[in-house]
Amino acid sequence: MPDVTINLWTLILGAASGLAGVMAAKFGNRLVMGAVAGAATAVILTIARGYF
């Protein structure tokens, strides 16, 4: 039976990016602002992962 593993960093990254996207969607064009904030959060946290 195959094992299933869950990468916690992926969950944290997804949750933080989603939260940032929802919070930023209150301003301007909702789709664009949410996408930009989510992507920026993902990039920042990916870079920060190297320091943890």
N, C-alpha and C. Protein backbone atom coordinates (compact mmCIF):
# COMPACT_ATOMS: atom_id res chain seq x y z
N MET A 1 0.84 -1.17 0.00
CA MET A 1 0.00 0.00 0.00
C MET A 1 0.90 1.25 0.00
N PRO A 2 0.64 2.17 -0.91
CA PRO A 2 1.50 3.36 -0.98
C PRO A 2 1.28 4.30 0.21
N ASP A 3 2.35 4.91 0.61
CA ASP A 3 2.28 5.89 1.70
C ASP A 3 1.93 7.26 1.15
N VAL A 4 1.20 8.00 1.92
CA VAL A 4 0.84 9.37 1.57
C VAL A 4 1.54 10.30 2.54
N THR A 5 2.29 11.24 2.01
CA THR A 5 2.96 12.22 2.86
C THR A 5 2.40 13.60 2.58
N ILE A 6 2.35 14.40 3.61
CA ILE A 6 1.85 15.77 3.48
C ILE A 6 2.99 16.71 3.84
N ASN A 7 3.29 17.62 2.93
CA ASN A 7 4.33 18.60 3.17
C ASN A 7 3.69 19.80 3.88
N LEU A 8 4.05 20.01 5.14
CA LEU A 8 3.45 21.10 5.91
C LEU A 8 3.80 22.47 5.34
N TRP A 9 4.97 22.61 4.74
CA TRP A 9 5.34 23.90 4.19
C TRP A 9 4.38 24.30 3.06
N THR A 10 3.96 23.33 2.26
CA THR A 10 3.00 23.61 1.19
C THR A 10 1.68 24.08 1.76
N LEU A 11 1.24 23.48 2.84
CA LEU A 11 -0.01 23.91 3.48
C LEU A 11 0.10 25.32 4.04
N ILE A 12 1.22 25.60 4.70
CA ILE A 12 1.43 26.94 5.25
C ILE A 12 1.49 27.98 4.14
N LEU A 13 2.22 27.67 3.09
CA LEU A 13 2.36 28.59 1.95
C LEU A 13 1.01 28.86 1.30
N GLY A 14 0.23 27.82 1.08
CA GLY A 14 -1.09 27.99 0.48
C GLY A 14 -2.04 28.79 1.35
N ALA A 15 -2.02 28.52 2.65
CA ALA A 15 -2.91 29.24 3.56
C ALA A 15 -2.54 30.72 3.65
N ALA A 16 -1.25 31.00 3.75
CA ALA A 16 -0.81 32.40 3.85
C ALA A 16 -1.09 33.15 2.55
N SER A 17 -0.85 32.51 1.42
CA SER A 17 -1.10 33.16 0.14
C SER A 17 -2.59 33.40 -0.07
N GLY A 18 -3.39 32.44 0.31
CA GLY A 18 -4.85 32.61 0.19
C GLY A 18 -5.36 33.72 1.08
N LEU A 19 -4.87 33.76 2.31
CA LEU A 19 -5.29 34.81 3.24
C LEU A 19 -4.87 36.19 2.74
N ALA A 20 -3.65 36.30 2.23
CA ALA A 20 -3.19 37.59 1.69
C ALA A 20 -4.02 37.99 0.47
N GLY A 21 -4.35 37.02 -0.36
CA GLY A 21 -5.18 37.31 -1.53
C GLY A 21 -6.56 37.80 -1.16
N VAL A 22 -7.17 37.18 -0.18
CA VAL A 22 -8.51 37.60 0.28
C VAL A 22 -8.46 38.99 0.89
N MET A 23 -7.42 39.24 1.69
CA MET A 23 -7.33 40.56 2.34
C MET A 23 -7.07 41.66 1.31
N ALA A 24 -6.26 41.38 0.29
CA ALA A 24 -5.95 42.39 -0.71
C ALA A 24 -7.08 42.57 -1.72
N ALA A 25 -7.99 41.62 -1.79
CA ALA A 25 -9.08 41.70 -2.77
C ALA A 25 -10.09 42.80 -2.42
N LYS A 26 -9.91 43.42 -1.29
CA LYS A 26 -10.81 44.50 -0.90
C LYS A 26 -10.51 45.79 -1.66
N PHE A 27 -9.36 45.85 -2.30
CA PHE A 27 -8.92 47.07 -2.98
C PHE A 27 -8.90 46.88 -4.48
N GLY A 28 -9.34 47.89 -5.22
CA GLY A 28 -9.24 47.89 -6.68
C GLY A 28 -9.92 46.70 -7.33
N ASN A 29 -9.33 46.22 -8.39
CA ASN A 29 -9.84 45.06 -9.12
C ASN A 29 -9.57 43.82 -8.26
N ARG A 30 -10.62 43.18 -7.80
CA ARG A 30 -10.49 42.09 -6.82
C ARG A 30 -9.64 40.93 -7.33
N LEU A 31 -9.86 40.52 -8.54
CA LEU A 31 -9.14 39.37 -9.07
C LEU A 31 -7.65 39.67 -9.20
N VAL A 32 -7.32 40.83 -9.75
CA VAL A 32 -5.92 41.19 -9.97
C VAL A 32 -5.20 41.41 -8.64
N MET A 33 -5.81 42.15 -7.73
CA MET A 33 -5.17 42.44 -6.45
C MET A 33 -4.99 41.16 -5.63
N GLY A 34 -5.98 40.28 -5.65
CA GLY A 34 -5.85 39.03 -4.92
C GLY A 34 -4.75 38.15 -5.49
N ALA A 35 -4.67 38.08 -6.81
CA ALA A 35 -3.63 37.27 -7.46
C ALA A 35 -2.24 37.83 -7.18
N VAL A 36 -2.09 39.14 -7.26
CA VAL A 36 -0.79 39.77 -7.02
C VAL A 36 -0.35 39.57 -5.56
N ALA A 37 -1.25 39.77 -4.64
CA ALA A 37 -0.90 39.61 -3.22
C ALA A 37 -0.58 38.15 -2.89
N GLY A 38 -1.34 37.23 -3.43
CA GLY A 38 -1.07 35.81 -3.20
C GLY A 38 0.26 35.38 -3.78
N ALA A 39 0.56 35.84 -4.98
CA ALA A 39 1.83 35.49 -5.62
C ALA A 39 3.00 36.12 -4.87
N ALA A 40 2.85 37.36 -4.45
CA ALA A 40 3.93 38.03 -3.71
C ALA A 40 4.19 37.32 -2.38
N THR A 41 3.14 36.91 -1.71
CA THR A 41 3.30 36.19 -0.45
C THR A 41 4.01 34.86 -0.68
N ALA A 42 3.64 34.16 -1.74
CA ALA A 42 4.28 32.88 -2.04
C ALA A 42 5.77 33.06 -2.32
N VAL A 43 6.12 34.10 -3.05
CA VAL A 43 7.54 34.35 -3.35
C VAL A 43 8.31 34.70 -2.08
N ILE A 44 7.74 35.57 -1.25
CA ILE A 44 8.41 35.98 -0.02
C ILE A 44 8.61 34.80 0.92
N LEU A 45 7.58 33.97 1.08
CA LEU A 45 7.69 32.83 1.98
C LEU A 45 8.62 31.76 1.44
N THR A 46 8.69 31.63 0.12
CA THR A 46 9.63 30.67 -0.47
C THR A 46 11.05 31.10 -0.22
N ILE A 47 11.32 32.39 -0.34
CA ILE A 47 12.66 32.91 -0.06
C ILE A 47 12.96 32.78 1.43
N ALA A 48 11.97 33.09 2.28
CA ALA A 48 12.16 33.02 3.73
C ALA A 48 12.38 31.59 4.21
N ARG A 49 11.89 30.62 3.46
CA ARG A 49 12.06 29.22 3.86
C ARG A 49 13.53 28.84 3.96
N GLY A 50 14.37 29.45 3.14
CA GLY A 50 15.80 29.18 3.19
C GLY A 50 16.45 29.63 4.49
N TYR A 51 15.82 30.56 5.20
CA TYR A 51 16.38 31.07 6.44
C TYR A 51 15.90 30.33 7.67
N PHE A 52 14.88 29.47 7.51
CA PHE A 52 14.33 28.74 8.66
C PHE A 52 14.97 27.39 8.80
